């Protein structure tokens, strides 16, 4: 059977943060929700990293022909 694909919509409170899926760099966030398309259905670890901010790590499941939406707030590291 053909792999089935879905999408992930990521809304982040910071732009220019790096998005990784299962350890692979995909793209950066912007001030608008970012949609990652043609993601094979399954479970993923998602990591969002920006210099000066705490990394955000989560897990999600992508379903065929559906959009999985997450909202991420990363916090500044104060020294």
PDB file of N, CA and C in Angstrom:
ATOM      1  N   UNK A   1       0.825  -1.218   0.000  1.00  0.00           N
ATOM      2  CA  UNK A   1       0.000   0.000   0.000  1.00  0.00           C
ATOM      3  C   UNK A   1       0.855   1.262   0.000  1.00  0.00           C
ATOM      4  N   UNK A   2       0.340   2.300  -0.602  1.00  0.00           N
ATOM      5  CA  UNK A   2       1.054   3.582  -0.664  1.00  0.00           C
ATOM      6  C   UNK A   2       1.073   4.248   0.709  1.00  0.00           C
ATOM      7  N   UNK A   3       2.199   4.878   1.069  1.00  0.00           N
ATOM      8  CA  UNK A   3       2.211   5.637   2.325  1.00  0.00           C
ATOM      9  C   UNK A   3       1.162   6.741   2.255  1.00  0.00           C
ATOM     10  N   UNK A   4       0.566   7.034   3.380  1.00  0.00           N
ATOM     11  CA  UNK A   4      -0.440   8.092   3.441  1.00  0.00           C
ATOM     12  C   UNK A   4       0.201   9.300   4.107  1.00  0.00           C
ATOM     13  N   UNK A   5      -0.179  10.468   3.646  1.00  0.00           N
ATOM     14  CA  UNK A   5       0.463  11.692   4.105  1.00  0.00           C
ATOM     15  C   UNK A   5      -0.526  12.654   4.745  1.00  0.00           C
ATOM     16  N   UNK A   6      -0.025  13.427   5.700  1.00  0.00           N
ATOM     17  CA  UNK A   6      -0.793  14.480   6.341  1.00  0.00           C
ATOM     18  C   UNK A   6       0.078  15.713   6.469  1.00  0.00           C
ATOM     19  N   UNK A   7      -0.360  16.652   7.288  1.00  0.00           N
ATOM     20  CA  UNK A   7       0.373  17.902   7.476  1.00  0.00           C
ATOM     21  C   UNK A   7       0.470  18.235   8.958  1.00  0.00           C
ATOM     22  N   UNK A   8       1.454  19.080   9.277  1.00  0.00           N
ATOM     23  CA  UNK A   8       1.620  19.589  10.634  1.00  0.00           C
ATOM     24  C   UNK A   8       1.589  21.112  10.553  1.00  0.00           C
ATOM     25  N   UNK A   9       0.718  21.735  11.342  1.00  0.00           N
ATOM     26  CA  UNK A   9       0.666  23.191  11.427  1.00  0.00           C
ATOM     27  C   UNK A   9       1.269  23.604  12.765  1.00  0.00           C
ATOM     28  N   UNK A  10       2.295  24.462  12.700  1.00  0.00           N
ATOM     29  CA  UNK A  10       3.009  24.879  13.906  1.00  0.00           C
ATOM     30  C   UNK A  10       2.854  26.383  14.084  1.00  0.00           C
ATOM     31  N   UNK A  11       2.283  26.768  15.220  1.00  0.00           N
ATOM     32  CA  UNK A  11       2.202  28.186  15.583  1.00  0.00           C
ATOM     33  C   UNK A  11       3.160  28.385  16.746  1.00  0.00           C
ATOM     34  N   UNK A  12       4.143  29.264  16.554  1.00  0.00           N
ATOM     35  CA  UNK A  12       5.162  29.497  17.579  1.00  0.00           C
ATOM     36  C   UNK A  12       5.175  30.981  17.936  1.00  0.00           C
ATOM     37  N   UNK A  13       5.421  31.276  19.206  1.00  0.00           N
ATOM     38  CA  UNK A  13       5.445  32.669  19.652  1.00  0.00           C
ATOM     39  C   UNK A  13       6.709  33.408  19.216  1.00  0.00           C
ATOM     40  N   UNK A  14       7.663  32.704  18.606  1.00  0.00           N
ATOM     41  CA  UNK A  14       8.900  33.323  18.123  1.00  0.00           C
ATOM     42  C   UNK A  14       9.135  32.945  16.666  1.00  0.00           C
ATOM     43  N   UNK A  15       9.559  33.919  15.872  1.00  0.00           N
ATOM     44  CA  UNK A  15       9.972  33.634  14.506  1.00  0.00           C
ATOM     45  C   UNK A  15      11.433  33.208  14.484  1.00  0.00           C
ATOM     46  N   UNK A  16      11.854  32.640  13.360  1.00  0.00           N
ATOM     47  CA  UNK A  16      13.253  32.253  13.137  1.00  0.00           C
ATOM     48  C   UNK A  16      13.754  31.177  14.096  1.00  0.00           C
ATOM     49  N   UNK A  17      12.841  30.370  14.648  1.00  0.00           N
ATOM     50  CA  UNK A  17      13.262  29.215  15.452  1.00  0.00           C
ATOM     51  C   UNK A  17      13.340  28.012  14.519  1.00  0.00           C
ATOM     52  N   UNK A  18      14.312  27.149  14.739  1.00  0.00           N
ATOM     53  CA  UNK A  18      14.510  25.983  13.874  1.00  0.00           C
ATOM     54  C   UNK A  18      13.572  24.847  14.279  1.00  0.00           C
ATOM     55  N   UNK A  19      12.959  24.219  13.280  1.00  0.00           N
ATOM     56  CA  UNK A  19      12.047  23.097  13.499  1.00  0.00           C
ATOM     57  C   UNK A  19      12.736  21.813  13.040  1.00  0.00           C
ATOM     58  N   UNK A  20      12.789  20.831  13.944  1.00  0.00           N
ATOM     59  CA  UNK A  20      13.351  19.519  13.622  1.00  0.00           C
ATOM     60  C   UNK A  20      12.273  18.452  13.795  1.00  0.00           C
ATOM     61  N   UNK A  21      12.186  17.517  12.850  1.00  0.00           N
ATOM     62  CA  UNK A  21      11.308  16.347  12.972  1.00  0.00           C
ATOM     63  C   UNK A  21      12.191  15.122  13.045  1.00  0.00           C
ATOM     64  N   UNK A  22      12.065  14.350  14.112  1.00  0.00           N
ATOM     65  CA  UNK A  22      12.888  13.154  14.322  1.00  0.00           C
ATOM     66  C   UNK A  22      14.369  13.442  14.084  1.00  0.00           C
ATOM     67  N   UNK A  23      14.821  14.610  14.561  1.00  0.00           N
ATOM     68  CA  UNK A  23      16.236  14.949  14.479  1.00  0.00           C
ATOM     69  C   UNK A  23      16.684  15.577  13.174  1.00  0.00           C
ATOM     70  N   UNK A  24      15.784  15.717  12.202  1.00  0.00           N
ATOM     71  CA  UNK A  24      16.135  16.290  10.906  1.00  0.00           C
ATOM     72  C   UNK A  24      15.604  17.715  10.807  1.00  0.00           C
ATOM     73  N   UNK A  25      16.503  18.664  10.467  1.00  0.00           N
ATOM     74  CA  UNK A  25      16.083  20.055  10.303  1.00  0.00           C
ATOM     75  C   UNK A  25      15.112  20.154   9.131  1.00  0.00           C
ATOM     76  N   UNK A  26      13.988  20.848   9.337  1.00  0.00           N
ATOM     77  CA  UNK A  26      12.977  20.977   8.291  1.00  0.00           C
ATOM     78  C   UNK A  26      12.889  22.412   7.767  1.00  0.00           C
ATOM     79  N   UNK A  27      12.688  23.372   8.669  1.00  0.00           N
ATOM     80  CA  UNK A  27      12.506  24.773   8.277  1.00  0.00           C
ATOM     81  C   UNK A  27      12.565  25.636   9.535  1.00  0.00           C
ATOM     82  N   UNK A  28      12.245  26.920   9.397  1.00  0.00           N
ATOM     83  CA  UNK A  28      12.173  27.796  10.566  1.00  0.00           C
ATOM     84  C   UNK A  28      10.744  28.296  10.752  1.00  0.00           C
ATOM     85  N   UNK A  29      10.448  28.717  11.988  1.00  0.00           N
ATOM     86  CA  UNK A  29       9.138  29.282  12.281  1.00  0.00           C
ATOM     87  C   UNK A  29       9.067  30.705  11.752  1.00  0.00           C
ATOM     88  N   UNK A  30       7.855  31.220  11.661  1.00  0.00           N
ATOM     89  CA  UNK A  30       7.664  32.634  11.335  1.00  0.00           C
ATOM     90  C   UNK A  30       6.594  33.166  12.281  1.00  0.00           C
ATOM     91  N   UNK A  31       6.227  34.423  12.116  1.00  0.00           N
ATOM     92  CA  UNK A  31       5.208  34.990  12.999  1.00  0.00           C
ATOM     93  C   UNK A  31       3.824  34.438  12.659  1.00  0.00           C
ATOM     94  N   UNK A  32       3.707  33.784  11.527  1.00  0.00           N
ATOM     95  CA  UNK A  32       2.449  33.157  11.121  1.00  0.00           C
ATOM     96  C   UNK A  32       2.581  31.647  11.281  1.00  0.00           C
ATOM     97  N   UNK A  33       1.461  30.937  11.452  1.00  0.00           N
ATOM     98  CA  UNK A  33       1.563  29.471  11.534  1.00  0.00           C
ATOM     99  C   UNK A  33       2.262  28.909  10.294  1.00  0.00           C
ATOM    100  N   UNK A  34       3.121  27.933  10.523  1.00  0.00           N
ATOM    101  CA  UNK A  34       3.889  27.300   9.442  1.00  0.00           C
ATOM    102  C   UNK A  34       3.315  25.904   9.232  1.00  0.00           C
ATOM    103  N   UNK A  35       2.970  25.563   7.993  1.00  0.00           N
ATOM    104  CA  UNK A  35       2.422  24.241   7.701  1.00  0.00           C
ATOM    105  C   UNK A  35       3.462  23.403   6.971  1.00  0.00           C
ATOM    106  N   UNK A  36       3.752  22.245   7.541  1.00  0.00           N
ATOM    107  CA  UNK A  36       4.647  21.280   6.912  1.00  0.00           C
ATOM    108  C   UNK A  36       3.758  20.278   6.187  1.00  0.00           C
ATOM    109  N   UNK A  37       3.890  20.196   4.871  1.00  0.00           N
ATOM    110  CA  UNK A  37       3.006  19.346   4.073  1.00  0.00           C
ATOM    111  C   UNK A  37       3.705  18.058   3.664  1.00  0.00           C
ATOM    112  N   UNK A  38       2.896  17.090   3.226  1.00  0.00           N
ATOM    113  CA  UNK A  38       3.400  15.802   2.726  1.00  0.00           C
ATOM    114  C   UNK A  38       4.278  15.094   3.745  1.00  0.00           C
ATOM    115  N   UNK A  39       3.809  15.059   4.992  1.00  0.00           N
ATOM    116  CA  UNK A  39       4.501  14.343   6.061  1.00  0.00           C
ATOM    117  C   UNK A  39       3.870  12.958   6.162  1.00  0.00           C
ATOM    118  N   UNK A  40       4.696  11.923   6.062  1.00  0.00           N
ATOM    119  CA  UNK A  40       4.174  10.561   6.125  1.00  0.00           C
ATOM    120  C   UNK A  40       3.480  10.332   7.469  1.00  0.00           C
ATOM    121  N   UNK A  41       2.320   9.684   7.431  1.00  0.00           N
ATOM    122  CA  UNK A  41       1.565   9.415   8.655  1.00  0.00           C
ATOM    123  C   UNK A  41       2.428   8.628   9.635  1.00  0.00           C
ATOM    124  N   UNK A  42       2.308   8.952  10.924  1.00  0.00           N
ATOM    125  CA  UNK A  42       3.072   8.249  11.949  1.00  0.00           C
ATOM    126  C   UNK A  42       3.379   9.166  13.115  1.00  0.00           C
ATOM    127  N   UNK A  43       4.194   8.645  14.024  1.00  0.00           N
ATOM    128  CA  UNK A  43       4.581   9.401  15.223  1.00  0.00           C
ATOM    129  C   UNK A  43       5.891  10.140  14.977  1.00  0.00           C
ATOM    130  N   UNK A  44       5.991  11.345  15.504  1.00  0.00           N
ATOM    131  CA  UNK A  44       7.186  12.165  15.328  1.00  0.00           C
ATOM    132  C   UNK A  44       7.562  12.852  16.631  1.00  0.00           C
ATOM    133  N   UNK A  45       8.887  12.994  16.821  1.00  0.00           N
ATOM    134  CA  UNK A  45       9.387  13.887  17.862  1.00  0.00           C
ATOM    135  C   UNK A  45       9.649  15.212  17.162  1.00  0.00           C
ATOM    136  N   UNK A  46       9.158  16.277  17.744  1.00  0.00           N
ATOM    137  CA  UNK A  46       9.374  17.597  17.168  1.00  0.00           C
ATOM    138  C   UNK A  46      10.156  18.436  18.174  1.00  0.00           C
ATOM    139  N   UNK A  47      11.190  19.113  17.675  1.00  0.00           N
ATOM    140  CA  UNK A  47      12.033  19.957  18.516  1.00  0.00           C
ATOM    141  C   UNK A  47      12.082  21.342  17.871  1.00  0.00           C
ATOM    142  N   UNK A  48      11.898  22.367  18.686  1.00  0.00           N
ATOM    143  CA  UNK A  48      11.977  23.745  18.204  1.00  0.00           C
ATOM    144  C   UNK A  48      13.051  24.456  19.021  1.00  0.00           C
ATOM    145  N   UNK A  49      14.041  25.010  18.305  1.00  0.00           N
ATOM    146  CA  UNK A  49      15.232  25.582  18.945  1.00  0.00           C
ATOM    147  C   UNK A  49      15.482  26.992  18.413  1.00  0.00           C
ATOM    148  N   UNK A  50      15.788  27.896  19.332  1.00  0.00           N
ATOM    149  CA  UNK A  50      16.226  29.241  18.949  1.00  0.00           C
ATOM    150  C   UNK A  50      17.264  29.691  19.963  1.00  0.00           C
ATOM    151  N   UNK A  51      18.349  30.295  19.471  1.00  0.00           N
ATOM    152  CA  UNK A  51      19.392  30.784  20.375  1.00  0.00           C
ATOM    153  C   UNK A  51      18.792  31.739  21.397  1.00  0.00           C
ATOM    154  N   UNK A  52      19.173  31.546  22.668  1.00  0.00           N
ATOM    155  CA  UNK A  52      18.696  32.406  23.734  1.00  0.00           C
ATOM    156  C   UNK A  52      17.360  31.982  24.327  1.00  0.00           C
ATOM    157  N   UNK A  53      16.795  30.875  23.802  1.00  0.00           N
ATOM    158  CA  UNK A  53      15.505  30.376  24.278  1.00  0.00           C
ATOM    159  C   UNK A  53      15.633  28.909  24.669  1.00  0.00           C
ATOM    160  N   UNK A  54      14.766  28.477  25.582  1.00  0.00           N
ATOM    161  CA  UNK A  54      14.738  27.067  25.966  1.00  0.00           C
ATOM    162  C   UNK A  54      14.184  26.243  24.809  1.00  0.00           C
ATOM    163  N   UNK A  55      14.796  25.101  24.552  1.00  0.00           N
ATOM    164  CA  UNK A  55      14.306  24.208  23.497  1.00  0.00           C
ATOM    165  C   UNK A  55      12.938  23.663  23.892  1.00  0.00           C
ATOM    166  N   UNK A  56      12.079  23.494  22.902  1.00  0.00           N
ATOM    167  CA  UNK A  56      10.772  22.879  23.120  1.00  0.00           C
ATOM    168  C   UNK A  56      10.804  21.511  22.451  1.00  0.00           C
ATOM    169  N   UNK A  57      10.425  20.479  23.202  1.00  0.00           N
ATOM    170  CA  UNK A  57      10.433  19.116  22.673  1.00  0.00           C
ATOM    171  C   UNK A  57       9.059  18.510  22.914  1.00  0.00           C
ATOM    172  N   UNK A  58       8.497  17.912  21.891  1.00  0.00           N
ATOM    173  CA  UNK A  58       7.190  17.276  22.028  1.00  0.00           C
ATOM    174  C   UNK A  58       7.054  16.119  21.056  1.00  0.00           C
ATOM    175  N   UNK A  59       5.969  15.383  21.209  1.00  0.00           N
ATOM    176  CA  UNK A  59       5.670  14.288  20.293  1.00  0.00           C
ATOM    177  C   UNK A  59       4.282  14.504  19.732  1.00  0.00           C
ATOM    178  N   UNK A  60       4.090  14.083  18.496  1.00  0.00           N
ATOM    179  CA  UNK A  60       2.773  14.180  17.901  1.00  0.00           C
ATOM    180  C   UNK A  60       2.579  13.059  16.904  1.00  0.00           C
ATOM    181  N   UNK A  61       1.330  12.847  16.536  1.00  0.00           N
ATOM    182  CA  UNK A  61       1.007  11.844  15.530  1.00  0.00           C
ATOM    183  C   UNK A  61       0.397  12.547  14.331  1.00  0.00           C
ATOM    184  N   UNK A  62       0.880  12.172  13.142  1.00  0.00           N
ATOM    185  CA  UNK A  62       0.344  12.695  11.894  1.00  0.00           C
ATOM    186  C   UNK A  62      -0.603  11.644  11.325  1.00  0.00           C
ATOM    187  N   UNK A  63      -1.794  12.088  10.951  1.00  0.00           N
ATOM    188  CA  UNK A  63      -2.804  11.192  10.394  1.00  0.00           C
ATOM    189  C   UNK A  63      -2.962  11.463   8.901  1.00  0.00           C
ATOM    190  N   UNK A  64      -3.262  10.430   8.114  1.00  0.00           N
ATOM    191  CA  UNK A  64      -3.421  10.616   6.671  1.00  0.00           C
ATOM    192  C   UNK A  64      -4.485  11.664   6.346  1.00  0.00           C
ATOM    193  N   UNK A  65      -4.133  12.562   5.433  1.00  0.00           N
ATOM    194  CA  UNK A  65      -5.049  13.562   4.902  1.00  0.00           C
ATOM    195  C   UNK A  65      -5.662  14.466   5.972  1.00  0.00           C
ATOM    196  N   UNK A  66      -4.956  14.635   7.103  1.00  0.00           N
ATOM    197  CA  UNK A  66      -5.405  15.538   8.162  1.00  0.00           C
ATOM    198  C   UNK A  66      -4.272  16.493   8.522  1.00  0.00           C
ATOM    199  N   UNK A  67      -4.647  17.615   9.143  1.00  0.00           N
ATOM    200  CA  UNK A  67      -3.661  18.574   9.645  1.00  0.00           C
ATOM    201  C   UNK A  67      -3.604  18.434  11.164  1.00  0.00           C
ATOM    202  N   UNK A  68      -2.411  18.140  11.686  1.00  0.00           N
ATOM    203  CA  UNK A  68      -2.186  18.100  13.128  1.00  0.00           C
ATOM    204  C   UNK A  68      -1.632  19.464  13.524  1.00  0.00           C
ATOM    205  N   UNK A  69      -2.338  20.177  14.399  1.00  0.00           N
ATOM    206  CA  UNK A  69      -1.938  21.538  14.775  1.00  0.00           C
ATOM    207  C   UNK A  69      -1.354  21.563  16.178  1.00  0.00           C
ATOM    208  N   UNK A  70      -0.253  22.298  16.336  1.00  0.00           N
ATOM    209  CA  UNK A  70       0.316  22.510  17.664  1.00  0.00           C
ATOM    210  C   UNK A  70       0.619  23.992  17.839  1.00  0.00           C
ATOM    211  N   UNK A  71       0.551  24.439  19.080  1.00  0.00           N
ATOM    212  CA  UNK A  71       0.900  25.809  19.429  1.00  0.00           C
ATOM    213  C   UNK A  71       2.042  25.731  20.429  1.00  0.00           C
ATOM    214  N   UNK A  72       3.143  26.408  20.119  1.00  0.00           N
ATOM    215  CA  UNK A  72       4.358  26.301  20.920  1.00  0.00           C
ATOM    216  C   UNK A  72       4.756  27.679  21.441  1.00  0.00           C
ATOM    217  N   UNK A  73       5.024  27.751  22.732  1.00  0.00           N
ATOM    218  CA  UNK A  73       5.564  28.971  23.327  1.00  0.00           C
ATOM    219  C   UNK A  73       6.941  28.642  23.891  1.00  0.00           C
ATOM    220  N   UNK A  74       7.969  29.234  23.284  1.00  0.00           N
ATOM    221  CA  UNK A  74       9.316  29.026  23.817  1.00  0.00           C
ATOM    222  C   UNK A  74       9.662  30.228  24.690  1.00  0.00           C
ATOM    223  N   UNK A  75      10.411  29.959  25.757  1.00  0.00           N
ATOM    224  CA  UNK A  75      10.710  31.019  26.721  1.00  0.00           C
ATOM    225  C   UNK A  75      12.185  31.387  26.687  1.00  0.00           C
ATOM    226  N   UNK A  76      12.425  32.661  26.908  1.00  0.00           N
ATOM    227  CA  UNK A  76      13.786  33.187  26.899  1.00  0.00           C
ATOM    228  C   UNK A  76      14.568  32.666  28.097  1.00  0.00           C
ATOM    229  N   UNK A  77      15.844  32.437  27.867  1.00  0.00           N
ATOM    230  CA  UNK A  77      16.736  32.029  28.957  1.00  0.00           C
ATOM    231  C   UNK A  77      17.349  33.299  29.536  1.00  0.00           C
ATOM    232  N   UNK A  78      17.126  33.515  30.811  1.00  0.00           N
ATOM    233  CA  UNK A  78      17.696  34.698  31.467  1.00  0.00           C
ATOM    234  C   UNK A  78      18.927  34.279  32.250  1.00  0.00           C
ATOM    235  N   UNK A  79      20.010  35.025  32.074  1.00  0.00           N
ATOM    236  CA  UNK A  79      21.261  34.663  32.751  1.00  0.00           C
ATOM    237  C   UNK A  79      21.499  35.559  33.933  1.00  0.00           C
TER     238      UNK A  79
END
